[in-house]
PDB file of N, CA and C in Angstrom:
ATOM      1  N   MET A   1      98.784 107.333  92.573  1.00  0.00           N
ATOM      2  CA  MET A   1      99.957 108.137  92.794  1.00  0.00           C
ATOM      3  C   MET A   1      99.581 109.316  93.691  1.00  0.00           C
ATOM      4  N   PHE A   2     100.357 109.561  94.719  1.00  0.00           N
ATOM      5  CA  PHE A   2     100.102 110.659  95.639  1.00  0.00           C
ATOM      6  C   PHE A   2     100.968 111.851  95.272  1.00  0.00           C
ATOM      7  N   ILE A   3     100.388 113.049  95.283  1.00  0.00           N
ATOM      8  CA  ILE A   3     101.129 114.264  95.019  1.00  0.00           C
ATOM      9  C   ILE A   3     101.440 114.917  96.353  1.00  0.00           C
ATOM     10  N   LEU A   4     102.709 115.143  96.637  1.00  0.00           N
ATOM     11  CA  LEU A   4     103.129 115.652  97.932  1.00  0.00           C
ATOM     12  C   LEU A   4     103.419 117.141  97.925  1.00  0.00           C
ATOM     13  N   SER A   5     103.053 117.843  96.865  1.00  0.00           N
ATOM     14  CA  SER A   5     103.359 119.271  96.776  1.00  0.00           C
ATOM     15  C   SER A   5     102.484 120.076  97.729  1.00  0.00           C
ATOM     16  N   LEU A   6     103.099 121.050  98.400  1.00  0.00           N
ATOM     17  CA  LEU A   6     102.352 121.964  99.267  1.00  0.00           C
ATOM     18  C   LEU A   6     102.198 123.323  98.598  1.00  0.00           C
ATOM     19  N   GLU A   7     102.674 123.460  97.378  1.00  0.00           N
ATOM     20  CA  GLU A   7     102.618 124.732  96.694  1.00  0.00           C
ATOM     21  C   GLU A   7     101.366 124.799  95.827  1.00  0.00           C
ATOM     22  N   GLY A   8     101.030 125.997  95.424  1.00  0.00           N
ATOM     23  CA  GLY A   8      99.912 126.187  94.514  1.00  0.00           C
ATOM     24  C   GLY A   8      98.624 126.499  95.248  1.00  0.00           C
ATOM     25  N   PRO A   9      97.526 126.589  94.495  1.00  0.00           N
ATOM     26  CA  PRO A   9      96.253 127.018  95.076  1.00  0.00           C
ATOM     27  C   PRO A   9      95.680 126.036  96.080  1.00  0.00           C
ATOM     28  N   ASP A  10      96.144 124.791  96.067  1.00  0.00           N
ATOM     29  CA  ASP A  10      95.603 123.774  96.973  1.00  0.00           C
ATOM     30  C   ASP A  10      96.444 123.624  98.239  1.00  0.00           C
ATOM     31  N   GLY A  11      97.385 124.552  98.493  1.00  0.00           N
ATOM     32  CA  GLY A  11      98.275 124.458  99.645  1.00  0.00           C
ATOM     33  C   GLY A  11      97.544 124.391 100.967  1.00  0.00           C
ATOM     34  N   ASP A  12      96.444 125.144 101.118  1.00  0.00           N
ATOM     35  CA  ASP A  12      95.679 125.100 102.369  1.00  0.00           C
ATOM     36  C   ASP A  12      95.084 123.722 102.593  1.00  0.00           C
ATOM     37  N   HIS A  13      94.603 123.112 101.524  1.00  0.00           N
ATOM     38  CA  HIS A  13      94.040 121.766 101.616  1.00  0.00           C
ATOM     39  C   HIS A  13      95.113 120.780 102.094  1.00  0.00           C
ATOM     40  N   GLU A  14      96.314 120.903 101.549  1.00  0.00           N
ATOM     41  CA  GLU A  14      97.414 120.029 101.958  1.00  0.00           C
ATOM     42  C   GLU A  14      97.775 120.266 103.418  1.00  0.00           C
ATOM     43  N   LYS A  15      97.777 121.531 103.841  1.00  0.00           N
ATOM     44  CA  LYS A  15      98.086 121.839 105.248  1.00  0.00           C
ATOM     45  C   LYS A  15      97.053 121.186 106.170  1.00  0.00           C
ATOM     46  N   ARG A  16      95.782 121.178 105.781  1.00  0.00           N
ATOM     47  CA  ARG A  16      94.747 120.520 106.592  1.00  0.00           C
ATOM     48  C   ARG A  16      94.992 119.014 106.658  1.00  0.00           C
ATOM     49  N   ARG A  17      95.425 118.426 105.566  1.00  0.00           N
ATOM     50  CA  ARG A  17      95.743 116.990 105.561  1.00  0.00           C
ATOM     51  C   ARG A  17      96.914 116.700 106.496  1.00  0.00           C
ATOM     52  N   ILE A  18      97.913 117.546 106.460  1.00  0.00           N
ATOM     53  CA  ILE A  18      99.081 117.374 107.326  1.00  0.00           C
ATOM     54  C   ILE A  18      98.665 117.422 108.785  1.00  0.00           C
ATOM     55  N   GLU A  19      97.893 118.422 109.148  1.00  0.00           N
ATOM     56  CA  GLU A  19      97.450 118.549 110.549  1.00  0.00           C
ATOM     57  C   GLU A  19      96.543 117.395 110.938  1.00  0.00           C
ATOM     58  N   ARG A  20      95.690 116.953 110.029  1.00  0.00           N
ATOM     59  CA  ARG A  20      94.822 115.801 110.311  1.00  0.00           C
ATOM     60  C   ARG A  20      95.668 114.547 110.520  1.00  0.00           C
ATOM     61  N   GLY A  21      96.753 114.415 109.776  1.00  0.00           N
ATOM     62  CA  GLY A  21      97.668 113.288 109.950  1.00  0.00           C
ATOM     63  C   GLY A  21      98.219 113.223 111.359  1.00  0.00           C
ATOM     64  N   PHE A  22      98.558 114.369 111.920  1.00  0.00           N
ATOM     65  CA  PHE A  22      99.038 114.402 113.303  1.00  0.00           C
ATOM     66  C   PHE A  22      97.916 114.079 114.290  1.00  0.00           C
ATOM     67  N   GLU A  23      96.715 114.551 114.017  1.00  0.00           N
ATOM     68  CA  GLU A  23      95.579 114.305 114.914  1.00  0.00           C
ATOM     69  C   GLU A  23      95.214 112.826 115.001  1.00  0.00           C
ATOM     70  N   ILE A  24      95.310 112.110 113.895  1.00  0.00           N
ATOM     71  CA  ILE A  24      94.816 110.724 113.863  1.00  0.00           C
ATOM     72  C   ILE A  24      95.912 109.682 114.039  1.00  0.00           C
ATOM     73  N   ALA A  25      97.157 110.100 114.162  1.00  0.00           N
ATOM     74  CA  ALA A  25      98.253 109.132 114.321  1.00  0.00           C
ATOM     75  C   ALA A  25      98.028 108.307 115.591  1.00  0.00           C
ATOM     76  N   PRO A  26      97.969 106.989 115.486  1.00  0.00           N
ATOM     77  CA  PRO A  26      97.737 106.162 116.673  1.00  0.00           C
ATOM     78  C   PRO A  26      98.986 105.954 117.531  1.00  0.00           C
ATOM     79  N   VAL A  27     100.126 106.352 117.025  1.00  0.00           N
ATOM     80  CA  VAL A  27     101.389 106.221 117.765  1.00  0.00           C
ATOM     81  C   VAL A  27     102.092 107.570 117.743  1.00  0.00           C
ATOM     82  N   PRO A  28     103.001 107.823 118.695  1.00  0.00           N
ATOM     83  CA  PRO A  28     103.754 109.082 118.651  1.00  0.00           C
ATOM     84  C   PRO A  28     104.607 109.142 117.383  1.00  0.00           C
ATOM     85  N   LEU A  29     104.620 110.289 116.741  1.00  0.00           N
ATOM     86  CA  LEU A  29     105.395 110.465 115.517  1.00  0.00           C
ATOM     87  C   LEU A  29     106.719 111.149 115.847  1.00  0.00           C
ATOM     88  N   LYS A  30     107.793 110.608 115.301  1.00  0.00           N
ATOM     89  CA  LYS A  30     109.126 111.166 115.552  1.00  0.00           C
ATOM     90  C   LYS A  30     109.419 112.248 114.520  1.00  0.00           C
ATOM     91  N   LEU A  31     109.755 113.432 114.996  1.00  0.00           N
ATOM     92  CA  LEU A  31     110.005 114.562 114.107  1.00  0.00           C
ATOM     93  C   LEU A  31     111.460 114.980 114.037  1.00  0.00           C
ATOM     94  N   GLU A  32     112.287 114.494 114.966  1.00  0.00           N
ATOM     95  CA  GLU A  32     113.679 114.904 115.000  1.00  0.00           C
ATOM     96  C   GLU A  32     114.375 114.539 113.684  1.00  0.00           C
ATOM     97  N   HIS A  33     115.008 115.533 113.062  1.00  0.00           N
ATOM     98  CA  HIS A  33     115.738 115.372 111.793  1.00  0.00           C
ATOM     99  C   HIS A  33     114.815 114.952 110.649  1.00  0.00           C
ATOM    100  N   ARG A  34     113.520 115.288 110.752  1.00  0.00           N
ATOM    101  CA  ARG A  34     112.576 114.930 109.700  1.00  0.00           C
ATOM    102  C   ARG A  34     111.788 116.169 109.274  1.00  0.00           C
ATOM    103  N   ASP A  35     111.270 116.135 108.066  1.00  0.00           N
ATOM    104  CA  ASP A  35     110.423 117.206 107.554  1.00  0.00           C
ATOM    105  C   ASP A  35     109.034 117.038 108.171  1.00  0.00           C
ATOM    106  N   ARG A  36     108.631 117.994 109.029  1.00  0.00           N
ATOM    107  CA  ARG A  36     107.365 117.896 109.754  1.00  0.00           C
ATOM    108  C   ARG A  36     106.178 117.701 108.803  1.00  0.00           C
ATOM    109  N   ASP A  37     106.155 118.457 107.701  1.00  0.00           N
ATOM    110  CA  ASP A  37     105.035 118.349 106.767  1.00  0.00           C
ATOM    111  C   ASP A  37     104.947 116.957 106.152  1.00  0.00           C
ATOM    112  N   LEU A  38     106.087 116.381 105.785  1.00  0.00           N
ATOM    113  CA  LEU A  38     106.062 115.046 105.176  1.00  0.00           C
ATOM    114  C   LEU A  38     105.652 113.976 106.184  1.00  0.00           C
ATOM    115  N   VAL A  39     106.050 114.124 107.444  1.00  0.00           N
ATOM    116  CA  VAL A  39     105.633 113.168 108.478  1.00  0.00           C
ATOM    117  C   VAL A  39     104.117 113.235 108.656  1.00  0.00           C
ATOM    118  N   GLY A  40     103.565 114.439 108.766  1.00  0.00           N
ATOM    119  CA  GLY A  40     102.120 114.592 108.936  1.00  0.00           C
ATOM    120  C   GLY A  40     101.352 114.081 107.742  1.00  0.00           C
ATOM    121  N   LEU A  41     101.826 114.405 106.539  1.00  0.00           N
ATOM    122  CA  LEU A  41     101.158 113.930 105.332  1.00  0.00           C
ATOM    123  C   LEU A  41     101.272 112.418 105.217  1.00  0.00           C
ATOM    124  N   GLY A  42     102.426 111.883 105.581  1.00  0.00           N
ATOM    125  CA  GLY A  42     102.592 110.422 105.571  1.00  0.00           C
ATOM    126  C   GLY A  42     101.616 109.749 106.510  1.00  0.00           C
ATOM    127  N   SER A  43     101.429 110.307 107.707  1.00  0.00           N
ATOM    128  CA  SER A  43     100.466 109.748 108.650  1.00  0.00           C
ATOM    129  C   SER A  43      99.057 109.820 108.081  1.00  0.00           C
ATOM    130  N   TYR A  44      98.738 110.924 107.423  1.00  0.00           N
ATOM    131  CA  TYR A  44      97.417 111.059 106.799  1.00  0.00           C
ATOM    132  C   TYR A  44      97.203 109.972 105.745  1.00  0.00           C
ATOM    133  N   ILE A  45      98.202 109.765 104.889  1.00  0.00           N
ATOM    134  CA  ILE A  45      98.087 108.747 103.835  1.00  0.00           C
ATOM    135  C   ILE A  45      97.978 107.353 104.443  1.00  0.00           C
ATOM    136  N   VAL A  46      98.835 107.042 105.428  1.00  0.00           N
ATOM    137  CA  VAL A  46      98.865 105.710 106.045  1.00  0.00           C
ATOM    138  C   VAL A  46      97.588 105.407 106.823  1.00  0.00           C
ATOM    139  N   ASN A  47      97.071 106.398 107.553  1.00  0.00           N
ATOM    140  CA  ASN A  47      95.970 106.134 108.477  1.00  0.00           C
ATOM    141  C   ASN A  47      94.590 106.536 107.983  1.00  0.00           C
ATOM    142  N   ALA A  48      94.510 107.502 107.053  1.00  0.00           N
ATOM    143  CA  ALA A  48      93.198 107.964 106.611  1.00  0.00           C
ATOM    144  C   ALA A  48      92.868 107.547 105.184  1.00  0.00           C
ATOM    145  N   VAL A  49      93.860 107.469 104.326  1.00  0.00           N
ATOM    146  CA  VAL A  49      93.599 107.220 102.918  1.00  0.00           C
ATOM    147  C   VAL A  49      93.811 105.758 102.549  1.00  0.00           C
ATOM    148  N   ALA A  50      94.948 105.211 102.897  1.00  0.00           N
ATOM    149  CA  ALA A  50      95.330 103.893 102.391  1.00  0.00           C
ATOM    150  C   ALA A  50      95.012 102.739 103.338  1.00  0.00           C
ATOM    151  N   ASP A  51      94.709 103.017 104.612  1.00  0.00           N
ATOM    152  CA  ASP A  51      94.464 101.961 105.601  1.00  0.00           C
ATOM    153  C   ASP A  51      95.577 100.909 105.563  1.00  0.00           C
ATOM    154  N   CYS A  52      96.814 101.357 105.630  1.00  0.00           N
ATOM    155  CA  CYS A  52      97.964 100.455 105.573  1.00  0.00           C
ATOM    156  C   CYS A  52      97.890  99.365 106.643  1.00  0.00           C
ATOM    157  N   ASN A  53      97.401  99.723 107.831  1.00  0.00           N
ATOM    158  CA  ASN A  53      97.312  98.740 108.912  1.00  0.00           C
ATOM    159  C   ASN A  53      96.328  97.615 108.578  1.00  0.00           C
ATOM    160  N   GLY A  54      95.402  97.863 107.670  1.00  0.00           N
ATOM    161  CA  GLY A  54      94.456  96.822 107.276  1.00  0.00           C
ATOM    162  C   GLY A  54      95.146  95.589 106.720  1.00  0.00           C
ATOM    163  N   CYS A  55      96.220  95.793 105.986  1.00  0.00           N
ATOM    164  CA  CYS A  55      96.992  94.669 105.448  1.00  0.00           C
ATOM    165  C   CYS A  55      98.242  94.393 106.264  1.00  0.00           C
ATOM    166  N   HIS A  56      98.844  95.444 106.794  1.00  0.00           N
ATOM    167  CA  HIS A  56     100.122  95.300 107.495  1.00  0.00           C
ATOM    168  C   HIS A  56      99.944  95.115 108.989  1.00  0.00           C
ATOM    169  N   SER A  57      98.902  94.374 109.359  1.00  0.00           N
ATOM    170  CA  SER A  57      98.736  93.835 110.718  1.00  0.00           C
ATOM    171  C   SER A  57      98.554  92.339 110.498  1.00  0.00           C
ATOM    172  N   ALA A  58      98.416  91.590 111.544  1.00  0.00           N
ATOM    173  CA  ALA A  58      98.258  90.135 111.383  1.00  0.00           C
ATOM    174  C   ALA A  58      96.839  89.763 110.986  1.00  0.00           C
ATOM    175  N   GLY A  59      95.992  90.735 110.724  1.00  0.00           N
ATOM    176  CA  GLY A  59      94.638  90.477 110.274  1.00  0.00           C
ATOM    177  C   GLY A  59      93.603  91.006 111.240  1.00  0.00           C
ATOM    178  N   PRO A  60      92.333  90.954 110.862  1.00  0.00           N
ATOM    179  CA  PRO A  60      91.262  91.536 111.677  1.00  0.00           C
ATOM    180  C   PRO A  60      91.242  91.123 113.148  1.00  0.00           C
ATOM    181  N   PRO A  61      91.561  89.877 113.497  1.00  0.00           N
ATOM    182  CA  PRO A  61      91.520  89.533 114.929  1.00  0.00           C
ATOM    183  C   PRO A  61      92.535  90.297 115.781  1.00  0.00           C
ATOM    184  N   THR A  62      93.623  90.798 115.162  1.00  0.00           N
ATOM    185  CA  THR A  62      94.648  91.508 115.939  1.00  0.00           C
ATOM    186  C   THR A  62      94.733  92.990 115.606  1.00  0.00           C
ATOM    187  N   GLU A  63      93.996  93.436 114.607  1.00  0.00           N
ATOM    188  CA  GLU A  63      94.118  94.818 114.144  1.00  0.00           C
ATOM    189  C   GLU A  63      93.596  95.832 115.161  1.00  0.00           C
ATOM    190  N   PHE A  64      92.545  95.466 115.895  1.00  0.00           N
ATOM    191  CA  PHE A  64      91.931  96.383 116.849  1.00  0.00           C
ATOM    192  C   PHE A  64      92.172  95.903 118.270  1.00  0.00           C
ATOM    193  N   ALA A  65      92.133  96.845 119.228  1.00  0.00           N
ATOM    194  CA  ALA A  65      92.490  96.555 120.617  1.00  0.00           C
ATOM    195  C   ALA A  65      91.577  95.505 121.240  1.00  0.00           C
ATOM    196  N   SER A  66      90.350  95.465 120.849  1.00  0.00           N
ATOM    197  CA  SER A  66      89.400  94.486 121.368  1.00  0.00           C
ATOM    198  C   SER A  66      88.194  94.495 120.444  1.00  0.00           C
ATOM    199  N   PRO A  67      87.304  93.534 120.584  1.00  0.00           N
ATOM    200  CA  PRO A  67      86.085  93.597 119.768  1.00  0.00           C
ATOM    201  C   PRO A  67      85.343  94.925 119.954  1.00  0.00           C
ATOM    202  N   ALA A  68      85.445  95.517 121.150  1.00  0.00           N
ATOM    203  CA  ALA A  68      84.790  96.797 121.390  1.00  0.00           C
ATOM    204  C   ALA A  68      85.473  97.935 120.642  1.00  0.00           C
ATOM    205  N   GLY A  69      86.716  97.717 120.198  1.00  0.00           N
ATOM    206  CA  GLY A  69      87.433  98.731 119.439  1.00  0.00           C
ATOM    207  C   GLY A  69      87.329  98.548 117.942  1.00  0.00           C
ATOM    208  N   ASN A  70      86.708  97.468 117.490  1.00  0.00           N
ATOM    209  CA  ASN A  70      86.544  97.190 116.074  1.00  0.00           C
ATOM    210  C   ASN A  70      85.418  98.059 115.527  1.00  0.00           C
ATOM    211  N   PRO A  71      85.703  98.930 114.542  1.00  0.00           N
ATOM    212  CA  PRO A  71      84.674  99.861 114.066  1.00  0.00           C
ATOM    213  C   PRO A  71      83.451  99.171 113.478  1.00  0.00           C
ATOM    214  N   TYR A  72      83.608  97.938 113.027  1.00  0.00           N
ATOM    215  CA  TYR A  72      82.477  97.227 112.438  1.00  0.00           C
ATOM    216  C   TYR A  72      81.551  96.644 113.497  1.00  0.00           C
ATOM    217  N   PHE A  73      82.033  96.548 114.734  1.00  0.00           N
ATOM    218  CA  PHE A  73      81.208  96.040 115.825  1.00  0.00           C
ATOM    219  C   PHE A  73      80.604  97.168 116.656  1.00  0.00           C
ATOM    220  N   LEU A  74      80.979  98.404 116.373  1.00  0.00           N
ATOM    221  CA  LEU A  74      80.478  99.549 117.135  1.00  0.00           C
ATOM    222  C   LEU A  74      79.081  99.931 116.650  1.00  0.00           C
ATOM    223  N   SER A  75      78.360 100.588 117.508  1.00  0.00           N
ATOM    224  CA  SER A  75      77.040 101.068 117.132  1.00  0.00           C
ATOM    225  C   SER A  75      77.000 102.571 117.380  1.00  0.00           C
ATOM    226  N   PRO A  76      76.929 103.395 116.372  1.00  0.00           N
ATOM    227  CA  PRO A  76      76.907 103.042 114.955  1.00  0.00           C
ATOM    228  C   PRO A  76      78.297 102.634 114.466  1.00  0.00           C
ATOM    229  N   PRO A  77      78.350 101.818 113.429  1.00  0.00           N
ATOM    230  CA  PRO A  77      79.657 101.391 112.912  1.00  0.00           C
ATOM    231  C   PRO A  77      80.435 102.584 112.360  1.00  0.00           C
ATOM    232  N   LEU A  78      81.736 102.460 112.380  1.00  0.00           N
ATOM    233  CA  LEU A  78      82.649 103.482 111.852  1.00  0.00           C
ATOM    234  C   LEU A  78      82.362 104.851 112.458  1.00  0.00           C
ATOM    235  N   SER A  79      82.181 104.876 113.774  1.00  0.00           N
ATOM    236  CA  SER A  79      81.826 106.109 114.477  1.00  0.00           C
ATOM    237  C   SER A  79      83.033 106.921 114.911  1.00  0.00           C
ATOM    238  N   GLY A  80      84.241 106.456 114.588  1.00  0.00           N
ATOM    239  CA  GLY A  80      85.440 107.179 114.976  1.00  0.00           C
ATOM    240  C   GLY A  80      85.950 106.793 116.348  1.00  0.00           C
ATOM    241  N   LYS A  81      85.389 105.759 116.954  1.00  0.00           N
ATOM    242  CA  LYS A  81      85.801 105.344 118.289  1.00  0.00           C
ATOM    243  C   LYS A  81      86.610 104.046 118.260  1.00  0.00           C
ATOM    244  N   GLU A  82      87.078 103.663 117.074  1.00  0.00           N
ATOM    245  CA  GLU A  82      87.877 102.441 116.993  1.00  0.00           C
ATOM    246  C   GLU A  82      89.176 102.607 117.762  1.00  0.00           C
ATOM    247  N   GLN A  83      89.700 101.492 118.231  1.00  0.00           N
ATOM    248  CA  GLN A  83      90.942 101.496 118.987  1.00  0.00           C
ATOM    249  C   GLN A  83      91.917 100.539 118.318  1.00  0.00           C
ATOM    250  N   ILE A  84      92.949 101.116 117.716  1.00  0.00           N
ATOM    251  CA  ILE A  84      93.971 100.318 117.041  1.00  0.00           C
ATOM    252  C   ILE A  84      94.787  99.569 118.091  1.00  0.00           C
ATOM    253  N   ASN A  85      95.115  98.326 117.805  1.00  0.00           N
ATOM    254  CA  ASN A  85      95.977  97.528 118.671  1.00  0.00           C
ATOM    255  C   ASN A  85      97.413  97.976 118.424  1.00  0.00           C
ATOM    256  N   LEU A  86      97.955  98.769 119.337  1.00  0.00           N
ATOM    257  CA  LEU A  86      99.294  99.328 119.138  1.00  0.00           C
ATOM    258  C   LEU A  86     100.387  98.266 119.170  1.00  0.00           C
ATOM    259  N   ALA A  87     100.108  97.115 119.761  1.00  0.00           N
ATOM    260  CA  ALA A  87     101.101  96.037 119.806  1.00  0.00           C
ATOM    261  C   ALA A  87     101.311  95.408 118.428  1.00  0.00           C
ATOM    262  N   THR A  88     100.329  95.532 117.537  1.00  0.00           N
ATOM    263  CA  THR A  88     100.446  94.921 116.213  1.00  0.00           C
ATOM    264  C   THR A  88     100.391  95.939 115.078  1.00  0.00           C
ATOM    265  N   TYR A  89     100.302  97.233 115.401  1.00  0.00           N
ATOM    266  CA  TYR A  89     100.152  98.293 114.398  1.00  0.00           C
ATOM    267  C   TYR A  89     101.297  98.240 113.383  1.00  0.00           C
ATOM    268  N   LEU A  90     100.961  98.030 112.129  1.00  0.00           N
ATOM    269  CA  LEU A  90     101.894  97.955 111.002  1.00  0.00           C
ATOM    270  C   LEU A  90     102.956  96.871 111.178  1.00  0.00           C
ATOM    271  N   GLY A  91     102.685  95.880 112.033  1.00  0.00           N
ATOM    272  CA  GLY A  91     103.657  94.836 112.343  1.00  0.00           C
ATOM    273  C   GLY A  91     103.726  93.703 111.341  1.00  0.00           C
ATOM    274  N   GLY A  92     102.845  93.697 110.347  1.00  0.00           N
ATOM    275  CA  GLY A  92     102.882  92.662 109.320  1.00  0.00           C
ATOM    276  C   GLY A  92     102.412  91.309 109.831  1.00  0.00           C
ATOM    277  N   GLY A  93     102.602  90.311 109.008  1.00  0.00           N
ATOM    278  CA  GLY A  93     102.275  88.949 109.391  1.00  0.00           C
ATOM    279  C   GLY A  93     100.928  88.452 108.915  1.00  0.00           C
ATOM    280  N   ARG A  94     100.172  89.275 108.184  1.00  0.00           N
ATOM    281  CA  ARG A  94      98.884  88.809 107.679  1.00  0.00           C
ATOM    282  C   ARG A  94      99.121  87.803 106.564  1.00  0.00           C
ATOM    283  N   ASP A  95      98.482  86.650 106.681  1.00  0.00           N
ATOM    284  CA  ASP A  95      98.630  85.569 105.709  1.00  0.00           C
ATOM    285  C   ASP A  95      97.551  85.713 104.641  1.00  0.00           C
ATOM    286  N   PHE A  96      97.965  86.027 103.431  1.00  0.00           N
ATOM    287  CA  PHE A  96      97.031  86.155 102.319  1.00  0.00           C
ATOM    288  C   PHE A  96      96.837  84.822 101.590  1.00  0.00           C
ATOM    289  N   GLY A  97      97.420  83.753 102.152  1.00  0.00           N
ATOM    290  CA  GLY A  97      97.239  82.429 101.573  1.00  0.00           C
ATOM    291  C   GLY A  97      98.101  82.208 100.350  1.00  0.00           C
ATOM    292  N   PRO A  98      97.802  81.156  99.599  1.00  0.00           N
ATOM    293  CA  PRO A  98      98.602  80.857  98.421  1.00  0.00           C
ATOM    294  C   PRO A  98      98.399  81.896  97.322  1.00  0.00           C
ATOM    295  N   VAL A  99      99.513  82.313  96.731  1.00  0.00           N
ATOM    296  CA  VAL A  99      99.484  83.255  95.611  1.00  0.00           C
ATOM    297  C   VAL A  99     100.428  82.697  94.556  1.00  0.00           C
ATOM    298  N   GLY A 100      99.869  82.231  93.477  1.00  0.00           N
ATOM    299  CA  GLY A 100     100.683  81.629  92.424  1.00  0.00           C
ATOM    300  C   GLY A 100     101.463  80.443  92.957  1.00  0.00           C
ATOM    301  N   SER A 101     102.765  80.462  92.768  1.00  0.00           N
ATOM    302  CA  SER A 101     103.606  79.347  93.211  1.00  0.00           C
ATOM    303  C   SER A 101     104.058  79.503  94.661  1.00  0.00           C
ATOM    304  N   VAL A 102     103.672  80.614  95.325  1.00  0.00           N
ATOM    305  CA  VAL A 102     104.048  80.853  96.719  1.00  0.00           C
ATOM    306  C   VAL A 102     102.984  80.235  97.629  1.00  0.00           C
ATOM    307  N   ALA A 103     103.421  79.377  98.552  1.00  0.00           N
ATOM    308  CA  ALA A 103     102.469  78.692  99.426  1.00  0.00           C
ATOM    309  C   ALA A 103     101.709  79.658 100.322  1.00  0.00           C
ATOM    310  N   HIS A 104     102.407  80.639 100.870  1.00  0.00           N
ATOM    311  CA  HIS A 104     101.784  81.652 101.726  1.00  0.00           C
ATOM    312  C   HIS A 104     102.453  82.991 101.463  1.00  0.00           C
ATOM    313  N   LEU A 105     101.653  84.026 101.304  1.00  0.00           N
ATOM    314  CA  LEU A 105     102.155  85.371 101.107  1.00  0.00           C
ATOM    315  C   LEU A 105     101.791  86.189 102.342  1.00  0.00           C
ATOM    316  N   TYR A 106     102.799  86.695 103.054  1.00  0.00           N
ATOM    317  CA  TYR A 106     102.595  87.439 104.295  1.00  0.00           C
ATOM    318  C   TYR A 106     102.898  88.918 104.078  1.00  0.00           C
ATOM    319  N   SER A 107     102.122  89.781 104.729  1.00  0.00           N
ATOM    320  CA  SER A 107     102.414  91.210 104.651  1.00  0.00           C
ATOM    321  C   SER A 107     103.670  91.520 105.451  1.00  0.00           C
ATOM    322  N   ARG A 108     104.407  92.554 105.006  1.00  0.00           N
ATOM    323  CA  ARG A 108     105.670  92.939 105.619  1.00  0.00           C
ATOM    324  C   ARG A 108     105.449  93.781 106.873  1.00  0.00           C
ATOM    325  N   ASN A 109     106.387  93.721 107.762  1.00  0.00           N
ATOM    326  CA  ASN A 109     106.413  94.563 108.947  1.00  0.00           C
ATOM    327  C   ASN A 109     106.902  95.945 108.506  1.00  0.00           C
ATOM    328  N   LEU A 110     106.114  96.989 108.764  1.00  0.00           N
ATOM    329  CA  LEU A 110     106.484  98.343 108.362  1.00  0.00           C
ATOM    330  C   LEU A 110     106.985  99.206 109.521  1.00  0.00           C
ATOM    331  N   THR A 111     107.089  98.632 110.713  1.00  0.00           N
ATOM    332  CA  THR A 111     107.537  99.423 111.854  1.00  0.00           C
ATOM    333  C   THR A 111     109.055  99.615 111.788  1.00  0.00           C
ATOM    334  N   PRO A 112     109.542 100.761 112.278  1.00  0.00           N
ATOM    335  CA  PRO A 112     110.982 100.999 112.223  1.00  0.00           C
ATOM    336  C   PRO A 112     111.736 100.242 113.310  1.00  0.00           C
ATOM    337  N   ASP A 113     113.001  99.957 113.036  1.00  0.00           N
ATOM    338  CA  ASP A 113     113.857  99.365 114.066  1.00  0.00           C
ATOM    339  C   ASP A 113     114.456 100.489 114.914  1.00  0.00           C
ATOM    340  N   ASN A 114     115.410 100.183 115.745  1.00  0.00           N
ATOM    341  CA  ASN A 114     115.954 101.197 116.658  1.00  0.00           C
ATOM    342  C   ASN A 114     116.741 102.292 115.941  1.00  0.00           C
ATOM    343  N   THR A 115     117.057 102.111 114.660  1.00  0.00           N
ATOM    344  CA  THR A 115     117.739 103.158 113.897  1.00  0.00           C
ATOM    345  C   THR A 115     116.755 104.108 113.232  1.00  0.00           C
ATOM    346  N   GLY A 116     115.473 103.751 113.251  1.00  0.00           N
ATOM    347  CA  GLY A 116     114.464 104.562 112.591  1.00  0.00           C
ATOM    348  C   GLY A 116     114.165 104.109 111.172  1.00  0.00           C
ATOM    349  N   LEU A 117     114.953 103.157 110.680  1.00  0.00           N
ATOM    350  CA  LEU A 117     114.709 102.603 109.337  1.00  0.00           C
ATOM    351  C   LEU A 117     113.759 101.416 109.456  1.00  0.00           C
ATOM    352  N   PRO A 118     113.137 101.007 108.351  1.00  0.00           N
ATOM    353  CA  PRO A 118     112.287  99.813 108.419  1.00  0.00           C
ATOM    354  C   PRO A 118     113.067  98.607 108.937  1.00  0.00           C
ATOM    355  N   ILE A 119     112.370  97.668 109.526  1.00  0.00           N
ATOM    356  CA  ILE A 119     112.992  96.458 110.057  1.00  0.00           C
ATOM    357  C   ILE A 119     113.963  95.899 109.021  1.00  0.00           C
ATOM    358  N   GLY A 120     115.157  95.571 109.435  1.00  0.00           N
ATOM    359  CA  GLY A 120     116.180  95.063 108.541  1.00  0.00           C
ATOM    360  C   GLY A 120     117.124  96.136 108.053  1.00  0.00           C
ATOM    361  N   GLY A 121     116.844  97.414 108.403  1.00  0.00           N
ATOM    362  CA  GLY A 121     117.743  98.506 108.046  1.00  0.00           C
ATOM    363  C   GLY A 121     117.695  98.932 106.605  1.00  0.00           C
ATOM    364  N   ARG A 122     116.647  98.578 105.888  1.00  0.00           N
ATOM    365  CA  ARG A 122     116.560  98.973 104.485  1.00  0.00           C
ATOM    366  C   ARG A 122     116.337 100.478 104.373  1.00  0.00           C
ATOM    367  N   THR A 123     116.996 101.101 103.409  1.00  0.00           N
ATOM    368  CA  THR A 123     116.817 102.529 103.175  1.00  0.00           C
ATOM    369  C   THR A 123     115.740 102.728 102.115  1.00  0.00           C
ATOM    370  N   TYR A 124     115.324 103.963 101.924  1.00  0.00           N
ATOM    371  CA  TYR A 124     114.333 104.271 100.896  1.00  0.00           C
ATOM    372  C   TYR A 124     114.849 103.841  99.526  1.00  0.00           C
ATOM    373  N   ASP A 125     116.125 104.125  99.259  1.00  0.00           N
ATOM    374  CA  ASP A 125     116.701 103.749  97.947  1.00  0.00           C
ATOM    375  C   ASP A 125     116.718 102.243  97.782  1.00  0.00           C
TER     376      ASP A 125
END
């Protein structure tokens, strides 16, 4: 469970996370009509903490821009020079194979449509 509060003695720590979220965002972040702090914190959670793109891309062959952008192929590995494949970033489609009675379980596309909502127009509620 993530705590999104910016109040209290840990507020400076949260502010650093928010700013780091903006620094590491691999795509431009839309701020119009949005809470800037929540957008930055969301980027921090998605890109630094949870590695959402790890599952919500079509898998390792498409997750990075090229083998040279794959952090596991870099020397030294995980050096911060990875290059995310922006064409597939959070685009879903990773096949996790059979799960129970489901023949194939695919990760969902998390990119927004032209309205700014997730693909299909689903709201948070």
